[in-house]
C-alpha atoms as a PDB file:
ATOM      1  CA  SER A   1     -65.778 150.960 -93.889  1.00  0.00           C
ATOM      2  CA  GLY A   2     -62.164 149.797 -94.253  1.00  0.00           C
ATOM      3  CA  LYS A   3     -60.812 152.314 -91.744  1.00  0.00           C
ATOM      4  CA  GLU A   4     -57.678 151.061 -90.003  1.00  0.00           C
ATOM      5  CA  ILE A   5     -58.486 150.911 -86.273  1.00  0.00           C
ATOM      6  CA  VAL A   6     -55.194 149.413 -85.100  1.00  0.00           C
ATOM      7  CA  PRO A   7     -52.119 150.167 -87.234  1.00  0.00           C
ATOM      8  CA  CYS A   8     -50.287 147.201 -88.762  1.00  0.00           C
ATOM      9  CA  ILE A   9     -47.243 147.475 -86.502  1.00  0.00           C
ATOM     10  CA  TYR A  10     -47.983 144.736 -83.965  1.00  0.00           C
ATOM     11  CA  ASP A  11     -47.126 141.039 -83.866  1.00  0.00           C
ATOM     12  CA  TYR A  12     -50.639 140.203 -82.681  1.00  0.00           C
ATOM     13  CA  VAL A  13     -53.879 141.943 -81.716  1.00  0.00           C
ATOM     14  CA  PHE A  14     -57.018 140.717 -79.973  1.00  0.00           C
ATOM     15  CA  PHE A  15     -60.043 142.523 -78.621  1.00  0.00           C
ATOM     16  CA  ASP A  16     -60.893 142.270 -74.928  1.00  0.00           C
ATOM     17  CA  ASP A  17     -64.659 142.628 -74.585  1.00  0.00           C
ATOM     18  CA  ASP A  18     -64.478 143.326 -70.836  1.00  0.00           C
ATOM     19  CA  ILE A  19     -62.617 146.626 -71.293  1.00  0.00           C
ATOM     20  CA  LYS A  20     -63.531 147.273 -74.960  1.00  0.00           C
ATOM     21  CA  ALA A  21     -59.867 147.643 -75.863  1.00  0.00           C
ATOM     22  CA  PHE A  22     -57.124 145.771 -77.728  1.00  0.00           C
ATOM     23  CA  HIS A  23     -54.325 143.633 -76.344  1.00  0.00           C
ATOM     24  CA  VAL A  24     -51.290 144.087 -78.601  1.00  0.00           C
ATOM     25  CA  GLY A  25     -47.907 142.390 -78.815  1.00  0.00           C
ATOM     26  CA  GLN A  26     -44.598 143.657 -80.086  1.00  0.00           C
ATOM     27  CA  ASN A  27     -41.089 142.182 -79.771  1.00  0.00           C
ATOM     28  CA  ASP A  28     -42.241 139.580 -77.212  1.00  0.00           C
ATOM     29  CA  LYS A  29     -43.846 142.218 -74.991  1.00  0.00           C
ATOM     30  CA  VAL A  30     -47.548 142.994 -74.548  1.00  0.00           C
ATOM     31  CA  GLY A  31     -49.700 145.982 -73.682  1.00  0.00           C
ATOM     32  CA  VAL A  32     -53.206 147.393 -74.185  1.00  0.00           C
ATOM     33  CA  ILE A  33     -54.453 150.178 -76.469  1.00  0.00           C
ATOM     34  CA  ALA A  34     -57.860 151.838 -76.757  1.00  0.00           C
ATOM     35  CA  THR A  35     -59.992 151.694 -79.908  1.00  0.00           C
ATOM     36  CA  ASP A  36     -58.803 155.202 -80.817  1.00  0.00           C
ATOM     37  CA  GLY A  37     -55.153 154.075 -80.599  1.00  0.00           C
ATOM     38  CA  GLU A  38     -54.402 155.622 -77.196  1.00  0.00           C
ATOM     39  CA  THR A  39     -52.000 153.546 -75.093  1.00  0.00           C
ATOM     40  CA  LEU A  40     -53.722 152.315 -71.939  1.00  0.00           C
ATOM     41  CA  ILE A  41     -50.970 149.960 -70.753  1.00  0.00           C
ATOM     42  CA  SER A  42     -47.478 150.332 -72.153  1.00  0.00           C
ATOM     43  CA  ILE A  43     -46.006 147.413 -74.094  1.00  0.00           C
ATOM     44  CA  ASP A  44     -43.616 146.423 -71.311  1.00  0.00           C
ATOM     45  CA  TRP A  45     -45.246 143.306 -69.899  1.00  0.00           C
ATOM     46  CA  ASP A  46     -44.441 139.647 -70.624  1.00  0.00           C
ATOM     47  CA  TYR A  47     -48.062 138.594 -70.100  1.00  0.00           C
ATOM     48  CA  ILE A  48     -51.448 140.218 -69.511  1.00  0.00           C
ATOM     49  CA  SER A  49     -54.527 138.028 -69.117  1.00  0.00           C
ATOM     50  CA  GLN A  50     -57.969 138.909 -70.387  1.00  0.00           C
ATOM     51  CA  PHE A  51     -59.684 141.370 -68.081  1.00  0.00           C
ATOM     52  CA  TYR A  52     -62.471 140.463 -65.688  1.00  0.00           C
ATOM     53  CA  ASN A  53     -64.544 143.352 -64.284  1.00  0.00           C
ATOM     54  CA  GLY A  54     -61.721 145.746 -65.138  1.00  0.00           C
ATOM     55  CA  TYR A  55     -58.839 143.741 -63.647  1.00  0.00           C
ATOM     56  CA  ALA A  56     -56.218 141.447 -65.167  1.00  0.00           C
ATOM     57  CA  LEU A  57     -53.369 139.224 -64.086  1.00  0.00           C
ATOM     58  CA  ALA A  58     -50.028 140.463 -65.423  1.00  0.00           C
ATOM     59  CA  GLU A  59     -46.459 139.242 -65.314  1.00  0.00           C
ATOM     60  CA  VAL A  60     -43.045 140.726 -66.023  1.00  0.00           C
ATOM     61  CA  SER A  61     -39.717 139.054 -65.228  1.00  0.00           C
ATOM     62  CA  ASN A  62     -41.586 136.298 -63.314  1.00  0.00           C
ATOM     63  CA  ASN A  63     -43.253 138.833 -61.032  1.00  0.00           C
ATOM     64  CA  TRP A  64     -47.049 138.474 -60.917  1.00  0.00           C
ATOM     65  CA  SER A  65     -49.494 141.284 -60.164  1.00  0.00           C
ATOM     66  CA  VAL A  66     -53.136 142.270 -60.487  1.00  0.00           C
ATOM     67  CA  ILE A  67     -53.493 145.468 -62.529  1.00  0.00           C
ATOM     68  CA  ASP A  68     -56.356 147.664 -63.692  1.00  0.00           C
ATOM     69  CA  VAL A  69     -57.062 148.950 -67.196  1.00  0.00           C
ATOM     70  CA  GLY A  70     -54.575 151.768 -66.710  1.00  0.00           C
ATOM     71  CA  GLY A  71     -51.784 149.381 -65.754  1.00  0.00           C
ATOM     72  CA  ASN A  72     -51.913 150.453 -62.108  1.00  0.00           C
ATOM     73  CA  LEU A  73     -50.783 147.894 -59.543  1.00  0.00           C
ATOM     74  CA  ILE A  74     -53.660 146.566 -57.423  1.00  0.00           C
ATOM     75  CA  THR A  75     -52.019 143.564 -55.768  1.00  0.00           C
ATOM     76  CA  ASN A  76     -48.438 142.285 -55.788  1.00  0.00           C
ATOM     77  CA  ILE A  77     -48.922 138.521 -55.888  1.00  0.00           C
ATOM     78  CA  SER A  78     -45.252 137.568 -56.157  1.00  0.00           C
ATOM     79  CA  SER A  79     -44.521 139.074 -52.757  1.00  0.00           C
ATOM     80  CA  ILE A  80     -46.268 135.998 -51.320  1.00  0.00           C
ATOM     81  CA  TYR A  81     -46.784 133.395 -54.064  1.00  0.00           C
ATOM     82  CA  HIS A  82     -44.683 131.975 -56.887  1.00  0.00           C
ATOM     83  CA  ASP A  83     -47.102 130.881 -59.614  1.00  0.00           C
ATOM     84  CA  ALA A  84     -50.505 132.150 -60.765  1.00  0.00           C
ATOM     85  CA  ASP A  85     -53.226 131.665 -63.374  1.00  0.00           C
ATOM     86  CA  TRP A  86     -56.271 133.828 -64.179  1.00  0.00           C
ATOM     87  CA  LEU A  87     -59.635 132.066 -64.093  1.00  0.00           C
ATOM     88  CA  PHE A  88     -62.067 134.674 -65.486  1.00  0.00           C
ATOM     89  CA  ASN A  89     -64.431 134.416 -62.521  1.00  0.00           C
ATOM     90  CA  GLY A  90     -62.994 136.943 -60.090  1.00  0.00           C
ATOM     91  CA  LEU A  91     -60.540 134.414 -58.686  1.00  0.00           C
ATOM     92  CA  ILE A  92     -56.875 133.769 -59.364  1.00  0.00           C
ATOM     93  CA  ALA A  93     -55.438 130.267 -59.138  1.00  0.00           C
ATOM     94  CA  ILE A  94     -52.331 130.397 -56.963  1.00  0.00           C
ATOM     95  CA  LYS A  95     -49.673 127.785 -56.251  1.00  0.00           C
ATOM     96  CA  LYS A  96     -48.312 127.488 -52.727  1.00  0.00           C
ATOM     97  CA  ASP A  97     -46.138 124.646 -51.425  1.00  0.00           C
ATOM     98  CA  ASN A  98     -46.864 122.691 -54.641  1.00  0.00           C
ATOM     99  CA  LYS A  99     -50.636 122.898 -54.114  1.00  0.00           C
ATOM    100  CA  TRP A 100     -53.168 125.103 -55.900  1.00  0.00           C
ATOM    101  CA  GLY A 101     -55.899 127.262 -54.403  1.00  0.00           C
ATOM    102  CA  CYS A 102     -57.582 130.574 -55.234  1.00  0.00           C
ATOM    103  CA  ILE A 103     -57.321 134.148 -54.024  1.00  0.00           C
ATOM    104  CA  ASP A 104     -59.351 137.207 -54.975  1.00  0.00           C
ATOM    105  CA  ILE A 105     -57.852 140.378 -56.440  1.00  0.00           C
ATOM    106  CA  ASN A 106     -57.192 141.715 -52.933  1.00  0.00           C
ATOM    107  CA  ASN A 107     -55.021 138.719 -51.996  1.00  0.00           C
ATOM    108  CA  ASN A 108     -57.670 137.104 -49.789  1.00  0.00           C
ATOM    109  CA  VAL A 109     -57.659 133.282 -49.882  1.00  0.00           C
ATOM    110  CA  GLN A 110     -61.028 132.035 -51.173  1.00  0.00           C
ATOM    111  CA  ILE A 111     -60.211 128.373 -51.882  1.00  0.00           C
ATOM    112  CA  GLY A 112     -57.628 126.549 -49.793  1.00  0.00           C
ATOM    113  CA  PHE A 113     -54.380 125.176 -51.199  1.00  0.00           C
ATOM    114  CA  LYS A 114     -55.220 121.497 -51.570  1.00  0.00           C
ATOM    115  CA  TYR A 115     -55.390 120.693 -55.292  1.00  0.00           C
ATOM    116  CA  ASP A 116     -52.738 119.373 -57.679  1.00  0.00           C
ATOM    117  CA  VAL A 117     -54.491 121.079 -60.614  1.00  0.00           C
ATOM    118  CA  ILE A 118     -57.029 123.887 -60.820  1.00  0.00           C
ATOM    119  CA  LYS A 119     -58.227 125.377 -64.100  1.00  0.00           C
ATOM    120  CA  CYS A 120     -61.204 127.080 -65.652  1.00  0.00           C
ATOM    121  CA  GLY A 121     -64.145 124.789 -66.368  1.00  0.00           C
ATOM    122  CA  SER A 122     -66.698 127.443 -67.330  1.00  0.00           C
ATOM    123  CA  ARG A 123     -66.069 131.178 -67.513  1.00  0.00           C
ATOM    124  CA  LYS A 124     -69.788 131.919 -67.438  1.00  0.00           C
ATOM    125  CA  SER A 125     -70.605 129.946 -64.291  1.00  0.00           C
ATOM    126  CA  GLY A 126     -67.212 130.203 -62.595  1.00  0.00           C
ATOM    127  CA  LYS A 127     -66.949 126.444 -62.132  1.00  0.00           C
ATOM    128  CA  MET A 128     -63.446 125.002 -62.032  1.00  0.00           C
ATOM    129  CA  ILE A 129     -61.854 121.669 -62.924  1.00  0.00           C
ATOM    130  CA  VAL A 130     -59.636 120.401 -60.115  1.00  0.00           C
ATOM    131  CA  ALA A 131     -57.441 117.360 -59.495  1.00  0.00           C
ATOM    132  CA  ARG A 132     -56.214 115.623 -56.387  1.00  0.00           C
ATOM    133  CA  ASN A 133     -54.133 112.419 -56.194  1.00  0.00           C
ATOM    134  CA  GLY A 134     -54.464 111.916 -59.950  1.00  0.00           C
ATOM    135  CA  ARG A 135     -58.266 112.143 -59.998  1.00  0.00           C
ATOM    136  CA  PHE A 136     -60.393 114.953 -61.425  1.00  0.00           C
ATOM    137  CA  GLY A 137     -63.533 116.711 -60.214  1.00  0.00           C
ATOM    138  CA  LEU A 138     -65.392 120.031 -60.377  1.00  0.00           C
ATOM    139  CA  ILE A 139     -65.869 122.862 -57.850  1.00  0.00           C
ATOM    140  CA  ASP A 140     -67.781 126.140 -57.874  1.00  0.00           C
ATOM    141  CA  LYS A 141     -66.250 129.546 -57.141  1.00  0.00           C
ATOM    142  CA  GLN A 142     -67.063 129.151 -53.450  1.00  0.00           C
ATOM    143  CA  GLY A 143     -64.944 125.986 -53.368  1.00  0.00           C
ATOM    144  CA  THR A 144     -67.885 123.594 -52.972  1.00  0.00           C
ATOM    145  CA  GLU A 145     -67.135 120.220 -54.587  1.00  0.00           C
ATOM    146  CA  LEU A 146     -69.878 119.669 -57.152  1.00  0.00           C
ATOM    147  CA  ILE A 147     -68.165 116.529 -58.406  1.00  0.00           C
ATOM    148  CA  LYS A 148     -65.729 114.637 -56.202  1.00  0.00           C
ATOM    149  CA  CYS A 149     -62.204 114.035 -57.485  1.00  0.00           C
ATOM    150  CA  GLN A 150     -62.775 110.467 -58.690  1.00  0.00           C
ATOM    151  CA  TYR A 151     -62.452 110.638 -62.490  1.00  0.00           C
ATOM    152  CA  VAL A 152     -59.336 109.632 -64.432  1.00  0.00           C
ATOM    153  CA  ARG A 153     -59.743 112.067 -67.338  1.00  0.00           C
ATOM    154  CA  VAL A 154     -61.718 115.232 -68.026  1.00  0.00           C
ATOM    155  CA  HIS A 155     -62.467 117.279 -71.143  1.00  0.00           C
ATOM    156  CA  LYS A 156     -64.722 120.256 -71.763  1.00  0.00           C
ATOM    157  CA  LEU A 157     -66.514 121.427 -74.893  1.00  0.00           C
ATOM    158  CA  PRO A 158     -65.322 124.600 -76.639  1.00  0.00           C
ATOM    159  CA  ASP A 159     -68.442 126.458 -75.459  1.00  0.00           C
ATOM    160  CA  GLU A 160     -67.854 125.082 -71.912  1.00  0.00           C
ATOM    161  CA  SER A 161     -71.447 123.860 -71.607  1.00  0.00           C
ATOM    162  CA  ILE A 162     -70.550 120.198 -71.138  1.00  0.00           C
ATOM    163  CA  VAL A 163     -67.738 118.555 -69.184  1.00  0.00           C
ATOM    164  CA  MET A 164     -66.843 114.961 -70.060  1.00  0.00           C
ATOM    165  CA  LEU A 165     -65.579 112.813 -67.189  1.00  0.00           C
ATOM    166  CA  GLN A 166     -64.030 109.386 -67.675  1.00  0.00           C
ATOM    167  CA  LYS A 167     -64.558 106.855 -64.894  1.00  0.00           C
ATOM    168  CA  VAL A 168     -62.059 104.232 -63.748  1.00  0.00           C
ATOM    169  CA  ASP A 169     -63.922 101.616 -65.799  1.00  0.00           C
ATOM    170  CA  LYS A 170     -63.172 103.752 -68.923  1.00  0.00           C
ATOM    171  CA  TYR A 171     -66.820 104.756 -69.395  1.00  0.00           C
ATOM    172  CA  TRP A 172     -67.708 108.448 -69.662  1.00  0.00           C
ATOM    173  CA  ASN A 173     -70.210 110.638 -67.833  1.00  0.00           C
ATOM    174  CA  LEU A 174     -71.462 113.912 -69.299  1.00  0.00           C
ATOM    175  CA  TYR A 175     -72.006 116.843 -66.935  1.00  0.00           C
ATOM    176  CA  ASN A 176     -74.171 119.811 -67.976  1.00  0.00           C
ATOM    177  CA  VAL A 177     -72.307 122.703 -66.341  1.00  0.00           C
ATOM    178  CA  GLU A 178     -75.112 125.269 -66.413  1.00  0.00           C
ATOM    179  CA  GLN A 179     -77.904 122.938 -65.289  1.00  0.00           C
ATOM    180  CA  GLU A 180     -75.627 120.980 -62.907  1.00  0.00           C
ATOM    181  CA  VAL A 181     -77.016 117.709 -64.255  1.00  0.00           C
ATOM    182  CA  MET A 182     -74.951 114.525 -64.591  1.00  0.00           C
ATOM    183  CA  ILE A 183     -75.715 112.157 -67.468  1.00  0.00           C
ATOM    184  CA  PRO A 184     -74.697 108.637 -66.349  1.00  0.00           C
ATOM    185  CA  GLY A 185     -72.009 107.055 -68.489  1.00  0.00           C
ATOM    186  CA  ASN A 186     -72.990 104.116 -70.629  1.00  0.00           C
ATOM    187  CA  PHE A 187     -70.539 105.235 -73.287  1.00  0.00           C
ATOM    188  CA  LYS A 188     -67.139 103.615 -73.497  1.00  0.00           C
ATOM    189  CA  ASN A 189     -65.615 105.993 -75.985  1.00  0.00           C
ATOM    190  CA  LEU A 190     -67.045 109.380 -76.885  1.00  0.00           C
ATOM    191  CA  ARG A 191     -65.773 109.985 -80.395  1.00  0.00           C
ATOM    192  CA  ARG A 192     -67.031 113.455 -81.295  1.00  0.00           C
ATOM    193  CA  ILE A 193     -69.204 116.086 -79.655  1.00  0.00           C
ATOM    194  CA  SER A 194     -71.026 118.910 -81.398  1.00  0.00           C
ATOM    195  CA  GLU A 195     -69.828 122.418 -80.568  1.00  0.00           C
ATOM    196  CA  ASP A 196     -73.035 123.273 -78.730  1.00  0.00           C
ATOM    197  CA  GLY A 197     -73.024 119.994 -76.805  1.00  0.00           C
ATOM    198  CA  SER A 198     -76.346 118.846 -78.279  1.00  0.00           C
ATOM    199  CA  TYR A 199     -75.035 115.573 -79.719  1.00  0.00           C
ATOM    200  CA  ALA A 200     -72.174 113.132 -79.223  1.00  0.00           C
ATOM    201  CA  SER A 201     -71.153 110.066 -81.179  1.00  0.00           C
ATOM    202  CA  PHE A 202     -69.976 107.139 -79.086  1.00  0.00           C
ATOM    203  CA  GLU A 203     -68.446 103.700 -79.484  1.00  0.00           C
ATOM    204  CA  SER A 204     -70.203 100.728 -77.921  1.00  0.00           C
ATOM    205  CA  GLU A 205     -68.804  97.410 -76.655  1.00  0.00           C
ATOM    206  CA  ASN A 206     -69.180  95.876 -80.114  1.00  0.00           C
ATOM    207  CA  GLY A 207     -66.881  98.518 -81.620  1.00  0.00           C
ATOM    208  CA  LEU A 208     -69.708 100.187 -83.532  1.00  0.00           C
ATOM    209  CA  CYS A 209     -70.815 103.808 -83.180  1.00  0.00           C
ATOM    210  CA  GLY A 210     -74.094 105.471 -82.270  1.00  0.00           C
ATOM    211  CA  LEU A 211     -75.389 108.930 -81.449  1.00  0.00           C
ATOM    212  CA  ILE A 212     -76.755 110.410 -78.212  1.00  0.00           C
ATOM    213  CA  ASP A 213     -78.297 113.770 -77.417  1.00  0.00           C
ATOM    214  CA  GLU A 214     -77.389 116.109 -74.550  1.00  0.00           C
ATOM    215  CA  LYS A 215     -79.622 114.141 -72.160  1.00  0.00           C
ATOM    216  CA  GLY A 216     -77.856 110.878 -72.936  1.00  0.00           C
ATOM    217  CA  THR A 217     -80.785 109.521 -74.971  1.00  0.00           C
ATOM    218  CA  ILE A 218     -79.677 107.203 -77.764  1.00  0.00           C
ATOM    219  CA  ILE A 219     -80.735 108.756 -81.072  1.00  0.00           C
ATOM    220  CA  ILE A 220     -79.021 106.222 -83.339  1.00  0.00           C
ATOM    221  CA  THR A 221     -78.293 102.702 -82.084  1.00  0.00           C
ATOM    222  CA  PRO A 222     -74.761 101.362 -82.693  1.00  0.00           C
ATOM    223  CA  ASN A 223     -75.430  98.410 -84.986  1.00  0.00           C
ATOM    224  CA  LYS A 224     -73.605  99.029 -88.288  1.00  0.00           C
ATOM    225  CA  TYR A 225     -71.147 101.912 -88.493  1.00  0.00           C
ATOM    226  CA  ARG A 226     -67.520 101.880 -87.405  1.00  0.00           C
ATOM    227  CA  ALA A 227     -67.314 105.695 -87.225  1.00  0.00           C
ATOM    228  CA  MET A 228     -69.931 108.426 -86.952  1.00  0.00           C
ATOM    229  CA  SER A 229     -69.749 112.227 -86.988  1.00  0.00           C
ATOM    230  CA  VAL A 230     -72.111 114.599 -85.216  1.00  0.00           C
ATOM    231  CA  PRO A 231     -75.007 116.140 -87.196  1.00  0.00           C
ATOM    232  CA  HIS A 232     -74.256 118.868 -89.717  1.00  0.00           C
ATOM    233  CA  GLU A 233     -77.058 120.414 -91.769  1.00  0.00           C
ATOM    234  CA  GLY A 234     -79.264 117.574 -90.501  1.00  0.00           C
ATOM    235  CA  PHE A 235     -76.989 114.805 -91.809  1.00  0.00           C
ATOM    236  CA  ILE A 236     -74.382 112.519 -90.250  1.00  0.00           C
ATOM    237  CA  ASN A 237     -71.268 111.173 -91.955  1.00  0.00           C
ATOM    238  CA  VAL A 238     -70.718 107.468 -91.279  1.00  0.00           C
ATOM    239  CA  SER A 239     -68.141 104.790 -92.088  1.00  0.00           C
ATOM    240  CA  TYR A 240     -68.954 101.132 -92.729  1.00  0.00           C
ATOM    241  CA  PHE A 241     -66.475  98.251 -92.670  1.00  0.00           C
ATOM    242  CA  ASP A 242     -67.420  95.647 -95.283  1.00  0.00           C
ATOM    243  CA  VAL A 243     -66.568  92.459 -93.391  1.00  0.00           C
ATOM    244  CA  GLU A 244     -67.783  90.124 -96.146  1.00  0.00           C
ATOM    245  CA  LEU A 245     -65.681  91.796 -98.829  1.00  0.00           C
ATOM    246  CA  ALA A 246     -62.630  92.017 -96.576  1.00  0.00           C
ATOM    247  CA  SER A 247     -62.859  88.300 -95.727  1.00  0.00           C
ATOM    248  CA  PHE A 248     -61.904  87.395 -99.300  1.00  0.00           C
ATOM    249  CA  PHE A 249     -58.587  89.242 -99.008  1.00  0.00           C
ATOM    250  CA  GLU A 250     -57.616  89.109 -95.320  1.00  0.00           C
ATOM    251  CA  ASP A 251     -54.912  86.485 -95.963  1.00  0.00           C
ATOM    252  CA  ASP A 252     -53.145  88.671 -98.530  1.00  0.00           C
ATOM    253  CA  GLU A 253     -49.748  90.035 -97.456  1.00  0.00           C
ATOM    254  CA  ASP A 254     -50.741  93.599 -98.304  1.00  0.00           C
ATOM    255  CA  PHE A 255     -54.166  93.355 -96.633  1.00  0.00           C
ATOM    256  CA  ASP A 256     -55.278  96.677 -95.110  1.00  0.00           C
ATOM    257  CA  GLU A 257     -58.631  96.998 -93.319  1.00  0.00           C
ATOM    258  CA  ASP A 258     -58.912 100.629 -94.377  1.00  0.00           C
ATOM    259  CA  ASP A 259     -59.280  99.489 -97.987  1.00  0.00           C
ATOM    260  CA  TYR A 260     -62.659  98.016 -97.033  1.00  0.00           C
ATOM    261  CA  VAL A 261     -64.064 100.974 -95.109  1.00  0.00           C
ATOM    262  CA  PHE A 262     -66.645 102.947 -97.070  1.00  0.00           C
ATOM    263  CA  ARG A 263     -68.336 106.258 -96.282  1.00  0.00           C
ATOM    264  CA  GLY A 264     -71.942 107.365 -96.544  1.00  0.00           C
ATOM    265  CA  LEU A 265     -74.500 109.761 -95.117  1.00  0.00           C
ATOM    266  CA  ILE A 266     -77.488 109.128 -92.845  1.00  0.00           C
ATOM    267  CA  ASN A 267     -80.269 111.385 -91.602  1.00  0.00           C
ATOM    268  CA  MET A 268     -81.332 111.978 -87.998  1.00  0.00           C
ATOM    269  CA  GLU A 269     -83.601 108.913 -88.117  1.00  0.00           C
ATOM    270  CA  GLY A 270     -80.627 106.718 -89.061  1.00  0.00           C
ATOM    271  CA  LYS A 271     -81.792 106.205 -92.643  1.00  0.00           C
ATOM    272  CA  GLU A 272     -78.958 105.875 -95.152  1.00  0.00           C
ATOM    273  CA  ILE A 273     -79.434 108.759 -97.599  1.00  0.00           C
ATOM    274  CA  VAL A 274     -76.077 108.415 -99.340  1.00  0.00           C
ATOM    275  CA  PRO A 275     -75.040 104.728 -99.392  1.00  0.00           C
ATOM    276  CA  CYS A 276     -71.688 103.644 -97.980  1.00  0.00           C
ATOM    277  CA  ILE A 277     -69.952 103.111-101.313  1.00  0.00           C
ATOM    278  CA  TYR A 278     -67.440 105.963-101.222  1.00  0.00           C
ATOM    279  CA  GLU A 279     -63.791 105.927-100.180  1.00  0.00           C
ATOM    280  CA  ASP A 280     -64.104 109.488 -98.927  1.00  0.00           C
ATOM    281  CA  LEU A 281     -66.960 111.877 -98.252  1.00  0.00           C
ATOM    282  CA  SER A 282     -66.874 115.502 -97.166  1.00  0.00           C
ATOM    283  CA  VAL A 283     -69.164 117.140 -94.603  1.00  0.00           C
ATOM    284  CA  PRO A 284     -72.307 118.500 -96.355  1.00  0.00           C
ATOM    285  CA  GLU A 285     -72.153 122.208 -97.168  1.00  0.00           C
ATOM    286  CA  ASN A 286     -75.190 123.933 -98.642  1.00  0.00           C
ATOM    287  CA  GLY A 287     -76.622 120.573 -99.672  1.00  0.00           C
ATOM    288  CA  LEU A 288     -73.508 119.418-101.563  1.00  0.00           C
ATOM    289  CA  ILE A 289     -70.866 116.774-100.839  1.00  0.00           C
ATOM    290  CA  VAL A 290     -67.476 116.086-102.384  1.00  0.00           C
ATOM    291  CA  ALA A 291     -67.032 112.319-102.704  1.00  0.00           C
ATOM    292  CA  THR A 292     -64.395 109.874-103.918  1.00  0.00           C
ATOM    293  CA  PHE A 293     -65.689 106.881-105.865  1.00  0.00           C
ATOM    294  CA  ARG A 294     -63.222 104.296-107.163  1.00  0.00           C
ATOM    295  CA  GLY A 295     -60.434 106.823-106.789  1.00  0.00           C
ATOM    296  CA  LYS A 296     -62.245 109.566-108.709  1.00  0.00           C
ATOM    297  CA  LYS A 297     -63.723 112.783-107.303  1.00  0.00           C
ATOM    298  CA  CYS A 298     -67.341 113.758-107.865  1.00  0.00           C
ATOM    299  CA  ILE A 299     -69.945 116.069-106.350  1.00  0.00           C
ATOM    300  CA  LEU A 300     -73.215 114.764-104.908  1.00  0.00           C
ATOM    301  CA  SER A 301     -76.330 116.322-103.487  1.00  0.00           C
ATOM    302  CA  THR A 302     -77.507 115.201-100.051  1.00  0.00           C
ATOM    303  CA  ASN A 303     -80.134 113.166-101.949  1.00  0.00           C
ATOM    304  CA  ASN A 304     -77.314 111.153-103.554  1.00  0.00           C
ATOM    305  CA  GLU A 305     -77.811 112.733-106.967  1.00  0.00           C
ATOM    306  CA  LEU A 306     -74.730 113.238-109.135  1.00  0.00           C
ATOM    307  CA  VAL A 307     -74.263 116.981-109.539  1.00  0.00           C
ATOM    308  CA  PHE A 308     -70.828 116.696-111.128  1.00  0.00           C
ATOM    309  CA  SER A 309     -69.782 113.216-112.223  1.00  0.00           C
ATOM    310  CA  ASN A 310     -66.296 114.179-113.395  1.00  0.00           C
ATOM    311  CA  ASP A 311     -64.833 111.039-114.976  1.00  0.00           C
ATOM    312  CA  ILE A 312     -66.164 108.372-112.609  1.00  0.00           C
ATOM    313  CA  ASP A 313     -67.513 105.139-114.085  1.00  0.00           C
ATOM    314  CA  ARG A 314     -71.205 106.056-114.091  1.00  0.00           C
ATOM    315  CA  GLU A 315     -72.407 102.528-114.884  1.00  0.00           C
ATOM    316  CA  GLU A 316     -70.445 101.160-111.921  1.00  0.00           C
ATOM    317  CA  TRP A 317     -71.774 103.971-109.710  1.00  0.00           C
ATOM    318  CA  GLU A 318     -75.377 103.173-110.694  1.00  0.00           C
ATOM    319  CA  ARG A 319     -74.795  99.451-110.119  1.00  0.00           C
ATOM    320  CA  MET A 320     -73.419 100.045-106.637  1.00  0.00           C
ATOM    321  CA  ASN A 321     -76.352 102.287-105.760  1.00  0.00           C
ATOM    322  CA  LYS A 322     -78.750  99.439-106.534  1.00  0.00           C
ATOM    323  CA  ILE A 323     -77.046  96.910-104.244  1.00  0.00           C
END
């Protein structure tokens, strides 16, 4: 309706779904206000985490506490510990004697102080990424090690459904957090992963890219393309390095491999719908693509039809499409 809910007087505002109220910032201090503008927590704190079941981790002048939605002190953490981090699963990561563990909001130790790193892996499930002696693993909120600390690198998807774990041999495993299923790693380099974790493009030993699904099944075999995106609107952007063409010029002083990389579009079966003849190609949106052909911009459909040819050389474009 256009009604101003929060007046435009704050440096930042975000809505906390747990307490149905707004975190606000002003002059490097933070507080919380209700949807009707009533102040719930005065803007006197240096930091207030998102709330979990009505409680948040807060800090002022390097003193850490657990507070409720009214700003009331529940637990004074800094009376015992020096560093803290909220994990969104009813636990607080605490540092003691240079090791991390977890306490609950009542200061009871739930996970012993034995990790070099401990951070949120999945807010929904409460699983946590941990590290010990330079190796990463995964634990649940009871402290049970679901994955031993044996991986050299770890990444998680934005939706926290998949955790990627790199082995010592540089290959990656995929771990489905909710189903607690490990997908064995036959993938040397995971290039891109879809936001929902359904697909990932990977680089094989031959330097070419393919596509796998969330179960690790190869959907597109790596046999042609140097780069590959994840599916968008049912299509996949790909890049092809023209070795034959590049071989004629590789002895030139100004030789640049990128000059011989061309972009195209394939479908989920791996069929090339838009041929790799373009220097640049946008992600499909509503069935349209912005492309660069011989330095000129044009607009294509996902069927490789010219929607807007601009001033490209149409005869050359038609010739290249027949090759």
